[in-house]
Amino acid sequence: MISNYILIVDDDPNIREGITREVEKEFENKAVVLNCKNGLVAADLLKCNTVDIVVTDIKMPYMNGIELLEFIRENNISCKSVVLSSYDDFNLVRDAMRAGASDYLLKPVDFPALHHILYKLLTEVIMERSNAFGSNAPVNMQKLMESYLKEHVVRDADLLAFEEKNMLRQDSPCILGCVKMEYPSSERLFKLQEQIREDLYNCLNKNHIRYKTILSGEVASCFVFMVFVDGMPFHCLNALTHFKDILVDNELKICISEEHLILGEMFPAFCECISMFEQGYYDLPLTDVPVLYKDDDMESVLVSITEALNLYDMKDTWRHLVHFFDICNTMKPSVKKVHKLLNDMLYELLRKNARYIEPLSRLKFTEHDIFHQIETAPSLSILERELFESLNHLVETVIAGLPDKDDHIIEKAKRYIEDNYNDYITLDDIAAHVYLNKSYFSTFFKNKVGLTYREYLQNYRIQKAVELIRNSDRKVYEIAQAVGYNDSAHFIRAFKKVTGKNPGAFRS
């Protein structure tokens, strides 16, 4: 059995030993955990030993985390890496990601989050190892499989060597299978993929199916396997029908090619599987009047969402978000494209407003993990609901940490009144807009502004009415309706209370 090795690198002995103990406890019988005190010691260890995952601090003496990652890259050392950093060092995190880090975590380390990342990376490590065909030389299974799933297969040296070793020709029969992965927990995902592999091998061996080799890995949120058959393909297809029934009984979505494929036919078959999985994704009701949208419409709406979030305006965020999902539901782009557009929008938000960086990072692996929701939501309606709830939570968190929070809340409340003065506005509406309890908000607004919200709303409406009287010849009832009064008598009383005159006298 192949051992997995995880290396912890941190110059603080308490942190180093603490992380080591937690990872050893979680990954008992799954990995051997090593540790060292700085990047220089780690580099010496990596030169002579195989390590699958490196977890490293960024700031260390002698050789820091970024220098260690650059050493790994320059020396073509095959391992995954996770960097640990404080919020103040977030710019260094970007440098680390450019240097090849697989993921990052902020200090103090959230151990469930670290376990989640390590399970994910360990799954990738296992997928990239050589298969059970008997070679001692490592083969990147993931890379080989992805090469066959491209529209135009490019046969580089690795692929040619793989085909030669397994005696594969252009017309060699292969059976393609895809299992949709919709599990939020990396530990569960890790165990599920291992179970699928074990069940697949058991099924083939039990039915005495001869195969040359098997490639497997994760592509586009699917567990994909390719069985290169040695013999009659229809025997393998019959055996895999039983294997498919087992997975379906376990409530998994699976698609297996109905007949054997040759090497050049993998891409369209894979696209067909993805298309089948995506059929139920666009589940929002269609609009009564179809609209002809373009790709540019999606991108422009996302710009509007970014601007609204930058201003902490959830009303506009919700309005634009609904529009974005309506466009997606109508155009039905690939799910991968929807994910990319939303991820790009979040990264643009972080670039525009650094206040979002820390809270968004802290949401990783929680119920409000926005990036995870984007990747795993099984349908557009669920994504729409989850994304709005999590963005709402994110904005609340950021506002709570603003140094001028009180001023910001008052300005936001005033802006809401000024944007909606001609509609019916309640205390509940304004309090919800600024994320405060209505009783607390009512007292808070009066203390800060010197007026109740009703008085401020009334004054603003009358101010707008004065402008209309001066600059138009509208009738009194028309002006009343334009500034939010359905009852002309009520409007006249309010006007006289604020200006000392009724509208007619004021116009004269």
Protein backbone atom coordinates (compact mmCIF):
# COMPACT_ATOMS: atom_id res chain seq x y z
CA MET A 1 0.00 0.00 0.00
CA ILE A 2 1.37 3.44 -0.97
CA SER A 3 1.88 5.86 1.95
CA ASN A 4 0.90 9.49 1.65
CA TYR A 5 3.23 12.08 3.17
CA ILE A 6 2.22 15.50 4.50
CA LEU A 7 4.92 18.00 5.56
CA ILE A 8 4.18 20.86 8.01
CA VAL A 9 6.61 23.82 7.83
CA ASP A 10 6.46 26.62 10.46
CA ASP A 11 9.13 28.39 12.52
CA ASP A 12 6.84 28.67 15.59
CA PRO A 13 7.27 25.36 17.48
CA ASN A 14 3.87 25.61 19.20
CA ILE A 15 2.01 26.17 15.93
CA ARG A 16 4.09 23.51 14.14
CA GLU A 17 3.48 20.84 16.78
CA GLY A 18 -0.18 21.80 17.14
CA ILE A 19 -0.87 21.44 13.43
CA THR A 20 1.10 18.19 13.29
CA ARG A 21 -0.94 16.65 16.13
CA GLU A 22 -4.27 17.68 14.59
CA VAL A 23 -3.38 16.39 11.12
CA GLU A 24 -2.01 13.11 12.55
CA LYS A 25 -5.23 12.60 14.48
CA GLU A 26 -7.46 13.30 11.46
CA PHE A 27 -5.40 11.37 8.88
CA GLU A 28 -4.44 8.34 10.99
CA ASN A 29 -3.82 5.38 8.64
CA LYS A 30 -4.18 7.72 5.64
CA ALA A 31 -0.94 9.73 5.79
CA VAL A 32 2.44 10.04 7.49
CA VAL A 33 2.88 13.57 8.91
CA LEU A 34 6.35 15.18 9.03
CA ASN A 35 7.37 18.66 10.17
CA CYS A 36 10.34 21.03 10.06
CA LYS A 37 11.15 24.51 11.33
CA ASN A 38 11.78 26.56 8.17
CA GLY A 39 11.86 26.49 4.38
CA LEU A 40 15.57 25.68 4.18
CA VAL A 41 15.19 22.46 6.18
CA ALA A 42 12.07 21.62 4.16
CA ALA A 43 13.95 22.11 0.88
CA ASP A 44 16.67 19.67 1.97
CA LEU A 45 14.01 17.13 2.94
CA LEU A 46 12.15 17.57 -0.37
CA LYS A 47 15.33 16.99 -2.41
CA CYS A 48 15.66 13.42 -1.15
CA ASN A 49 12.16 12.36 -0.15
CA THR A 50 8.75 12.08 -1.74
CA VAL A 51 6.24 14.39 -0.08
CA ASP A 52 2.67 14.66 -1.38
CA ILE A 53 1.45 17.83 0.38
CA VAL A 54 3.38 20.72 1.98
CA VAL A 55 1.61 23.00 4.49
CA THR A 56 3.86 26.03 4.99
CA ASP A 57 3.85 29.34 6.81
CA ILE A 58 4.71 32.33 4.62
CA LYS A 59 6.94 34.34 6.98
CA MET A 60 9.93 32.28 8.18
CA PRO A 61 13.67 32.88 8.61
CA TYR A 62 16.35 31.58 6.18
CA MET A 63 13.84 30.58 3.50
CA ASN A 64 10.25 31.86 3.61
CA GLY A 65 7.16 30.12 2.25
CA ILE A 66 7.20 31.84 -1.15
CA GLU A 67 10.88 31.01 -1.64
CA LEU A 68 10.10 27.40 -0.71
CA LEU A 69 7.32 27.26 -3.31
CA GLU A 70 9.67 28.71 -5.93
CA PHE A 71 12.26 26.07 -4.99
CA ILE A 72 9.63 23.34 -5.46
CA ARG A 73 8.66 24.74 -8.86
CA GLU A 74 12.23 25.28 -10.11
CA ASN A 75 13.25 21.76 -9.11
CA ASN A 76 10.15 20.15 -10.64
CA ILE A 77 9.17 18.57 -7.32
CA SER A 78 5.72 17.04 -7.63
CA CYS A 79 3.72 17.99 -4.54
CA LYS A 80 0.67 20.02 -3.55
CA SER A 81 1.04 23.03 -1.24
CA VAL A 82 -1.04 25.06 1.21
CA VAL A 83 0.18 28.41 2.60
CA LEU A 84 -0.69 29.83 6.01
CA SER A 85 -0.83 33.59 6.43
CA SER A 86 -2.21 36.37 8.59
CA TYR A 87 -4.72 38.84 7.13
CA ASP A 88 -2.03 41.56 7.01
CA ASP A 89 0.02 39.39 4.66
CA PHE A 90 -2.74 38.85 2.11
CA ASN A 91 -0.64 40.39 -0.68
CA LEU A 92 1.94 37.68 0.03
CA VAL A 93 -0.81 35.09 -0.37
CA ARG A 94 -1.33 36.31 -3.92
CA ASP A 95 2.41 35.91 -4.57
CA ALA A 96 2.24 32.41 -3.10
CA MET A 97 -0.66 31.44 -5.36
CA ARG A 98 1.31 32.70 -8.36
CA ALA A 99 4.26 30.60 -7.15
CA GLY A 100 2.13 27.47 -7.33
CA ALA A 101 0.30 27.14 -4.01
CA SER A 102 -2.82 24.98 -4.29
CA ASP A 103 -4.74 26.81 -1.55
CA TYR A 104 -4.33 29.08 1.48
CA LEU A 105 -5.67 29.53 5.01
CA LEU A 106 -5.58 32.50 7.34
CA LYS A 107 -4.13 32.23 10.85
CA PRO A 108 -5.14 31.21 13.44
CA VAL A 109 -5.67 27.93 11.60
CA ASP A 110 -9.24 26.64 11.40
CA PHE A 111 -8.57 22.89 11.64
CA PRO A 112 -11.82 21.68 10.01
CA ALA A 113 -10.98 23.99 7.10
CA LEU A 114 -7.43 22.61 6.94
CA HIS A 115 -8.75 19.03 7.01
CA HIS A 116 -11.14 19.91 4.18
CA ILE A 117 -8.29 21.22 2.01
CA LEU A 118 -6.02 18.27 2.80
CA TYR A 119 -8.71 15.73 1.89
CA LYS A 120 -9.24 17.53 -1.39
CA LEU A 121 -5.52 17.60 -2.20
CA LEU A 122 -5.03 13.99 -1.10
CA THR A 123 -7.78 12.99 -3.51
CA GLU A 124 -5.92 14.78 -6.31
CA VAL A 125 -2.63 13.11 -5.30
CA ILE A 126 -4.18 9.64 -5.49
CA MET A 127 -5.79 10.41 -8.86
CA GLU A 128 -2.45 11.55 -10.27
CA ARG A 129 -0.55 8.43 -9.24
CA SER A 130 0.21 5.59 -11.55
CA ASN A 131 -2.58 3.06 -11.87
CA ALA A 132 -2.50 -0.58 -10.78
CA PHE A 133 -1.06 -1.84 -14.06
CA GLY A 134 2.33 -2.61 -12.55
CA SER A 135 4.69 0.25 -13.36
CA ASN A 136 6.89 1.69 -10.64
CA ALA A 137 7.39 4.97 -12.50
CA PRO A 138 4.76 7.56 -11.54
CA VAL A 139 2.27 8.47 -14.22
CA ASN A 140 0.08 11.55 -13.97
CA MET A 141 -3.28 9.87 -14.47
CA GLN A 142 -5.15 13.17 -14.29
CA LYS A 143 -3.09 14.76 -17.05
CA LEU A 144 -3.36 11.69 -19.31
CA MET A 145 -7.11 11.47 -18.85
CA GLU A 146 -7.63 15.19 -19.52
CA SER A 147 -5.56 14.82 -22.71
CA TYR A 148 -8.05 12.24 -24.05
CA LEU A 149 -11.03 14.43 -23.08
CA LYS A 150 -9.93 17.39 -25.21
CA GLU A 151 -11.51 18.12 -28.58
CA HIS A 152 -8.16 17.71 -30.29
CA VAL A 153 -5.88 15.17 -28.59
CA VAL A 154 -2.24 16.26 -28.57
CA ARG A 155 0.04 13.25 -28.18
CA ASP A 156 2.99 14.52 -26.19
CA ALA A 157 5.84 12.32 -24.97
CA ASP A 158 3.96 11.22 -21.82
CA LEU A 159 0.85 10.21 -23.74
CA LEU A 160 2.85 8.32 -26.39
CA ALA A 161 4.81 6.50 -23.68
CA PHE A 162 1.55 5.59 -21.91
CA GLU A 163 0.02 4.20 -25.13
CA GLU A 164 3.17 2.27 -25.99
CA LYS A 165 3.42 0.77 -22.51
CA ASN A 166 -0.23 -0.36 -22.55
CA MET A 167 -0.20 -1.39 -26.23
CA LEU A 168 -2.94 1.08 -27.17
CA ARG A 169 -3.71 1.94 -30.80
CA GLN A 170 -5.98 4.56 -32.34
CA ASP A 171 -8.76 1.97 -32.64
CA SER A 172 -8.30 0.44 -29.17
CA PRO A 173 -11.72 0.06 -27.52
CA CYS A 174 -12.43 2.10 -24.40
CA ILE A 175 -15.52 2.57 -22.23
CA LEU A 176 -16.10 5.99 -20.66
CA GLY A 177 -18.02 6.56 -17.43
CA CYS A 178 -18.87 9.77 -15.54
CA VAL A 179 -20.25 10.05 -12.01
CA LYS A 180 -21.56 13.47 -10.92
CA MET A 181 -19.90 14.65 -7.68
CA GLU A 182 -22.25 16.76 -5.55
CA TYR A 183 -20.84 16.29 -2.05
CA PRO A 184 -19.87 19.39 -0.01
CA SER A 185 -17.52 17.56 2.37
CA SER A 186 -14.03 16.82 1.04
CA GLU A 187 -13.69 13.92 3.46
CA ARG A 188 -16.88 12.40 2.09
CA LEU A 189 -15.75 13.13 -1.47
CA PHE A 190 -12.41 11.44 -0.80
CA LYS A 191 -14.09 8.33 0.61
CA LEU A 192 -16.69 8.24 -2.17
CA GLN A 193 -14.11 8.34 -4.95
CA GLU A 194 -12.06 5.62 -3.28
CA GLN A 195 -15.22 3.50 -2.92
CA ILE A 196 -16.14 4.01 -6.59
CA ARG A 197 -12.65 2.92 -7.66
CA GLU A 198 -12.82 -0.15 -5.44
CA ASP A 199 -16.32 -1.09 -6.69
CA LEU A 200 -15.20 -0.63 -10.30
CA TYR A 201 -12.20 -2.95 -9.94
CA ASN A 202 -14.29 -5.50 -8.02
CA CYS A 203 -16.96 -5.45 -10.71
CA LEU A 204 -14.45 -6.03 -13.52
CA ASN A 205 -12.55 -8.76 -11.67
CA LYS A 206 -15.71 -10.52 -10.50
CA ASN A 207 -16.92 -10.70 -14.10
CA HIS A 208 -13.48 -11.81 -15.35
CA ILE A 209 -13.18 -8.73 -17.59
CA ARG A 210 -9.74 -8.35 -19.13
CA TYR A 211 -8.58 -4.75 -19.42
CA LYS A 212 -5.29 -3.18 -20.44
CA THR A 213 -5.45 -0.26 -18.03
CA ILE A 214 -7.83 2.17 -16.32
CA LEU A 215 -7.54 5.93 -16.01
CA SER A 216 -9.63 7.82 -13.48
CA GLY A 217 -9.82 11.32 -12.07
CA GLU A 218 -12.02 14.36 -11.47
CA VAL A 219 -13.00 16.65 -14.35
CA ALA A 220 -15.77 19.29 -14.37
CA SER A 221 -17.13 18.14 -10.96
CA CYS A 222 -17.36 14.57 -12.25
CA PHE A 223 -15.48 11.43 -11.31
CA VAL A 224 -14.43 10.07 -14.71
CA PHE A 225 -13.10 6.60 -15.49
CA MET A 226 -11.82 5.17 -18.76
CA VAL A 227 -11.55 1.38 -19.06
CA PHE A 228 -9.27 0.32 -21.91
CA VAL A 229 -10.66 -3.09 -22.77
CA ASP A 230 -8.51 -6.09 -23.69
CA GLY A 231 -10.91 -8.40 -25.47
CA MET A 232 -14.61 -8.19 -26.33
CA PRO A 233 -16.02 -4.75 -25.33
CA PHE A 234 -19.65 -5.91 -24.99
CA HIS A 235 -18.74 -8.19 -22.04
CA CYS A 236 -17.34 -5.15 -20.24
CA LEU A 237 -20.41 -3.07 -21.12
CA ASN A 238 -22.69 -5.75 -19.64
CA ALA A 239 -20.63 -5.88 -16.45
CA LEU A 240 -20.66 -2.10 -16.09
CA THR A 241 -24.46 -2.09 -16.34
CA HIS A 242 -24.55 -3.82 -12.95
CA PHE A 243 -21.94 -1.36 -11.64
CA LYS A 244 -24.16 1.52 -12.82
CA ASP A 245 -27.17 0.04 -10.98
CA ILE A 246 -25.16 -0.03 -7.72
CA LEU A 247 -24.31 3.67 -8.03
CA VAL A 248 -27.88 4.63 -8.97
CA ASP A 249 -29.15 2.75 -5.90
CA ASN A 250 -26.79 4.96 -3.87
CA GLU A 251 -28.51 8.02 -5.43
CA LEU A 252 -25.58 8.97 -7.66
CA LYS A 253 -25.95 10.34 -11.17
CA ILE A 254 -23.93 8.23 -13.60
CA CYS A 255 -23.51 8.13 -17.35
CA ILE A 256 -21.67 5.29 -19.16
CA SER A 257 -21.06 5.19 -22.91
CA GLU A 258 -23.65 2.93 -24.49
CA GLU A 259 -21.03 1.34 -26.73
CA HIS A 260 -17.28 1.17 -26.77
CA LEU A 261 -15.36 4.18 -28.02
CA ILE A 262 -12.05 4.60 -29.79
CA LEU A 263 -9.48 7.15 -28.61
CA GLY A 264 -10.67 9.98 -30.85
CA GLU A 265 -14.29 9.69 -29.68
CA MET A 266 -13.79 10.53 -26.00
CA PHE A 267 -14.46 14.27 -26.20
CA PRO A 268 -17.98 14.17 -27.74
CA ALA A 269 -18.97 11.30 -25.42
CA PHE A 270 -17.76 13.25 -22.38
CA CYS A 271 -19.62 16.39 -23.55
CA GLU A 272 -22.77 14.30 -23.92
CA CYS A 273 -22.45 13.10 -20.31
CA ILE A 274 -21.92 16.65 -19.04
CA SER A 275 -24.92 17.84 -21.05
CA MET A 276 -27.08 15.11 -19.52
CA PHE A 277 -26.02 16.14 -16.00
CA GLU A 278 -26.73 19.81 -16.75
CA GLN A 279 -30.26 19.32 -18.11
CA GLY A 280 -31.84 19.85 -14.71
CA TYR A 281 -29.58 22.76 -13.73
CA TYR A 282 -31.62 25.55 -15.37
CA ASP A 283 -34.79 25.13 -13.35
CA LEU A 284 -36.04 28.72 -12.91
CA PRO A 285 -39.43 29.60 -14.45
CA LEU A 286 -39.09 31.12 -17.91
CA THR A 287 -40.25 34.71 -18.36
CA ASP A 288 -43.58 35.21 -20.14
CA VAL A 289 -42.02 37.34 -22.87
CA PRO A 290 -38.77 35.78 -24.14
CA VAL A 291 -35.85 38.23 -24.36
CA LEU A 292 -32.95 37.87 -26.77
CA TYR A 293 -29.91 38.16 -24.52
CA LYS A 294 -26.25 38.28 -25.52
CA ASP A 295 -23.11 37.18 -23.66
CA ASP A 296 -22.30 40.85 -23.02
CA ASP A 297 -25.56 41.17 -21.04
CA MET A 298 -24.35 38.67 -18.43
CA GLU A 299 -21.04 40.47 -18.00
CA SER A 300 -22.60 43.95 -17.75
CA VAL A 301 -25.06 42.77 -15.08
CA LEU A 302 -22.18 41.28 -13.07
CA VAL A 303 -20.45 44.68 -13.20
CA SER A 304 -23.62 46.18 -11.70
CA ILE A 305 -23.65 43.53 -8.95
CA THR A 306 -20.01 44.34 -8.12
CA GLU A 307 -20.78 48.07 -7.93
CA ALA A 308 -23.81 47.46 -5.67
CA LEU A 309 -21.78 45.24 -3.33
CA ASN A 310 -19.00 47.81 -3.26
CA LEU A 311 -21.62 50.27 -1.90
CA TYR A 312 -23.06 47.60 0.46
CA ASP A 313 -26.41 48.01 -1.32
CA MET A 314 -28.23 44.69 -1.06
CA LYS A 315 -31.41 45.97 -2.70
CA ASP A 316 -29.60 46.68 -5.96
CA THR A 317 -27.49 43.55 -5.52
CA TRP A 318 -30.64 41.43 -5.33
CA ARG A 319 -32.24 43.19 -8.31
CA HIS A 320 -29.17 42.65 -10.53
CA LEU A 321 -28.64 39.10 -9.25
CA VAL A 322 -32.19 38.13 -10.24
CA HIS A 323 -31.56 39.66 -13.67
CA PHE A 324 -28.30 37.72 -14.05
CA PHE A 325 -29.97 34.40 -13.24
CA ASP A 326 -32.83 35.20 -15.59
CA ILE A 327 -30.30 35.70 -18.41
CA CYS A 328 -28.54 32.42 -17.51
CA ASN A 329 -31.84 30.56 -17.35
CA THR A 330 -32.78 31.88 -20.80
CA MET A 331 -29.42 31.48 -22.58
CA LYS A 332 -28.37 28.27 -20.80
CA PRO A 333 -24.60 28.68 -21.11
CA SER A 334 -22.41 25.85 -19.86
CA VAL A 335 -22.51 25.47 -16.08
CA LYS A 336 -18.73 25.89 -16.15
CA LYS A 337 -19.17 29.34 -17.71
CA VAL A 338 -21.71 30.38 -15.04
CA HIS A 339 -19.21 29.35 -12.36
CA LYS A 340 -16.39 31.28 -14.05
CA LEU A 341 -18.43 34.47 -14.45
CA LEU A 342 -19.49 34.47 -10.78
CA ASN A 343 -15.97 33.67 -9.55
CA ASP A 344 -14.54 36.48 -11.69
CA MET A 345 -17.15 38.85 -10.23
CA LEU A 346 -16.05 37.99 -6.67
CA TYR A 347 -12.37 38.47 -7.48
CA GLU A 348 -13.17 41.85 -9.04
CA LEU A 349 -15.05 42.80 -5.86
CA LEU A 350 -12.00 41.90 -3.76
CA ARG A 351 -9.85 44.04 -6.05
CA LYS A 352 -12.19 47.02 -5.70
CA ASN A 353 -12.91 46.73 -1.99
CA ALA A 354 -10.23 45.15 0.22
CA ARG A 355 -12.63 45.15 3.20
CA TYR A 356 -14.20 42.02 1.72
CA ILE A 357 -10.96 39.99 1.66
CA GLU A 358 -10.78 38.81 5.26
CA PRO A 359 -14.50 38.04 5.85
CA LEU A 360 -14.77 36.23 2.51
CA SER A 361 -11.71 34.14 3.41
CA ARG A 362 -13.17 33.36 6.83
CA LEU A 363 -16.33 32.00 5.20
CA LYS A 364 -14.40 29.12 3.59
CA PHE A 365 -15.94 25.76 4.56
CA THR A 366 -18.84 27.36 6.43
CA GLU A 367 -22.51 27.38 5.43
CA HIS A 368 -21.82 30.73 3.72
CA ASP A 369 -18.80 29.57 1.67
CA ILE A 370 -19.67 31.49 -1.49
CA PHE A 371 -17.03 29.97 -3.78
CA HIS A 372 -18.09 26.46 -2.72
CA GLN A 373 -21.77 27.25 -3.27
CA ILE A 374 -21.02 28.42 -6.81
CA GLU A 375 -19.20 25.18 -7.61
CA THR A 376 -21.58 22.69 -5.97
CA ALA A 377 -25.15 24.06 -6.16
CA PRO A 378 -27.11 21.42 -8.11
CA SER A 379 -29.47 23.91 -9.76
CA LEU A 380 -29.80 27.58 -10.65
CA SER A 381 -32.67 28.17 -8.20
CA ILE A 382 -30.66 26.78 -5.28
CA LEU A 383 -27.59 28.79 -6.30
CA GLU A 384 -29.67 31.97 -6.55
CA ARG A 385 -31.06 31.49 -3.04
CA GLU A 386 -27.77 30.42 -1.42
CA LEU A 387 -25.75 33.14 -3.12
CA PHE A 388 -28.09 35.93 -2.02
CA GLU A 389 -28.19 34.68 1.57
CA SER A 390 -24.40 34.41 1.73
CA LEU A 391 -23.77 37.79 0.07
CA ASN A 392 -26.24 39.32 2.51
CA HIS A 393 -24.32 37.73 5.41
CA LEU A 394 -21.02 38.94 3.92
CA VAL A 395 -22.22 42.55 3.61
CA GLU A 396 -23.55 42.50 7.19
CA THR A 397 -20.14 41.28 8.38
CA VAL A 398 -18.25 43.98 6.49
CA ILE A 399 -20.55 46.77 7.65
CA ALA A 400 -20.20 45.61 11.28
CA GLY A 401 -16.44 46.09 10.99
CA LEU A 402 -16.45 49.56 9.39
CA PRO A 403 -14.66 52.20 11.52
CA ASP A 404 -17.35 54.77 10.60
CA LYS A 405 -20.18 52.26 10.87
CA ASP A 406 -22.69 54.67 12.46
CA ASP A 407 -22.21 57.34 9.79
CA HIS A 408 -22.40 54.70 7.10
CA ILE A 409 -25.70 53.34 8.45
CA ILE A 410 -27.24 56.82 8.58
CA GLU A 411 -26.08 57.67 5.06
CA LYS A 412 -27.38 54.35 3.78
CA ALA A 413 -30.78 54.91 5.46
CA LYS A 414 -31.01 58.44 4.02
CA ARG A 415 -30.06 57.17 0.57
CA TYR A 416 -32.76 54.50 0.78
CA ILE A 417 -35.36 57.14 1.72
CA GLU A 418 -34.20 59.48 -1.06
CA ASP A 419 -34.27 56.68 -3.64
CA ASN A 420 -37.74 55.46 -2.63
CA TYR A 421 -39.54 58.55 -1.29
CA ASN A 422 -42.25 58.29 -3.96
CA ASP A 423 -43.16 54.74 -2.86
CA TYR A 424 -44.78 53.40 0.29
CA ILE A 425 -41.92 53.12 2.83
CA THR A 426 -42.18 51.58 6.30
CA LEU A 427 -39.85 51.52 9.27
CA ASP A 428 -39.42 47.78 8.67
CA ASP A 429 -38.19 48.46 5.11
CA ILE A 430 -35.49 50.93 6.14
CA ALA A 431 -34.34 48.94 9.20
CA ALA A 432 -34.02 45.78 7.09
CA HIS A 433 -32.03 47.72 4.48
CA VAL A 434 -29.40 48.69 7.08
CA TYR A 435 -29.52 45.32 8.92
CA LEU A 436 -30.85 46.67 12.24
CA ASN A 437 -33.76 45.81 14.50
CA LYS A 438 -36.55 48.34 13.77
CA SER A 439 -36.91 49.51 17.40
CA TYR A 440 -33.16 50.03 17.73
CA PHE A 441 -32.96 51.74 14.34
CA SER A 442 -35.80 54.14 15.16
CA THR A 443 -34.00 55.38 18.31
CA PHE A 444 -30.60 55.31 16.59
CA PHE A 445 -31.82 57.45 13.65
CA LYS A 446 -33.50 60.03 15.91
CA ASN A 447 -30.36 60.40 18.06
CA LYS A 448 -28.06 60.80 15.07
CA VAL A 449 -30.22 62.95 12.77
CA GLY A 450 -32.38 64.84 15.26
CA LEU A 451 -35.53 63.76 13.40
CA THR A 452 -37.57 60.59 13.34
CA TYR A 453 -37.44 58.65 10.09
CA ARG A 454 -41.05 59.80 9.39
CA GLU A 455 -40.09 63.45 9.84
CA TYR A 456 -37.04 63.04 7.60
CA LEU A 457 -39.16 61.28 4.95
CA GLN A 458 -41.86 63.95 5.16
CA ASN A 459 -39.33 66.80 4.83
CA TYR A 460 -37.67 65.15 1.85
CA ARG A 461 -41.01 64.56 0.10
CA ILE A 462 -42.05 68.18 0.62
CA GLN A 463 -38.65 69.36 -0.62
CA LYS A 464 -39.27 67.42 -3.85
CA ALA A 465 -42.81 68.79 -4.02
CA VAL A 466 -41.45 72.36 -3.76
CA GLU A 467 -39.14 71.66 -6.71
CA LEU A 468 -42.07 70.39 -8.78
CA ILE A 469 -44.23 73.40 -7.89
CA ARG A 470 -41.44 75.79 -8.94
CA ASN A 471 -40.50 73.97 -12.12
CA SER A 472 -43.76 72.55 -13.47
CA ASP A 473 -47.42 73.38 -13.89
CA ARG A 474 -48.66 70.05 -12.51
CA LYS A 475 -51.84 70.02 -10.47
CA VAL A 476 -51.66 69.58 -6.70
CA TYR A 477 -52.98 65.99 -6.74
CA GLU A 478 -50.42 65.06 -9.43
CA ILE A 479 -47.58 66.49 -7.35
CA ALA A 480 -48.90 64.67 -4.27
CA GLN A 481 -48.82 61.35 -6.10
CA ALA A 482 -45.37 62.07 -7.56
CA VAL A 483 -43.84 62.47 -4.09
CA GLY A 484 -45.54 59.48 -2.46
CA TYR A 485 -48.90 60.82 -1.15
CA ASN A 486 -52.01 59.02 -2.41
CA ASP A 487 -54.25 61.34 -0.36
CA SER A 488 -54.16 65.01 -1.50
CA ALA A 489 -55.57 66.25 1.84
CA HIS A 490 -52.78 64.48 3.71
CA PHE A 491 -50.23 66.00 1.32
CA ILE A 492 -51.60 69.53 1.80
CA ARG A 493 -51.45 69.21 5.61
CA ALA A 494 -47.86 67.93 5.46
CA PHE A 495 -46.88 70.69 3.00
CA LYS A 496 -48.29 73.40 5.22
CA LYS A 497 -46.63 71.89 8.31
CA VAL A 498 -43.19 72.03 6.66
CA THR A 499 -43.40 75.27 4.62
CA GLY A 500 -46.05 77.25 6.57
CA LYS A 501 -48.24 77.57 3.43
CA ASN A 502 -50.50 75.33 1.46
CA PRO A 503 -49.35 74.35 -2.10
CA GLY A 504 -51.60 76.87 -3.87
CA ALA A 505 -50.42 79.81 -1.79
CA PHE A 506 -46.82 78.71 -2.16
CA ARG A 507 -47.16 78.62 -5.97
CA SER A 508 -48.75 82.11 -5.99
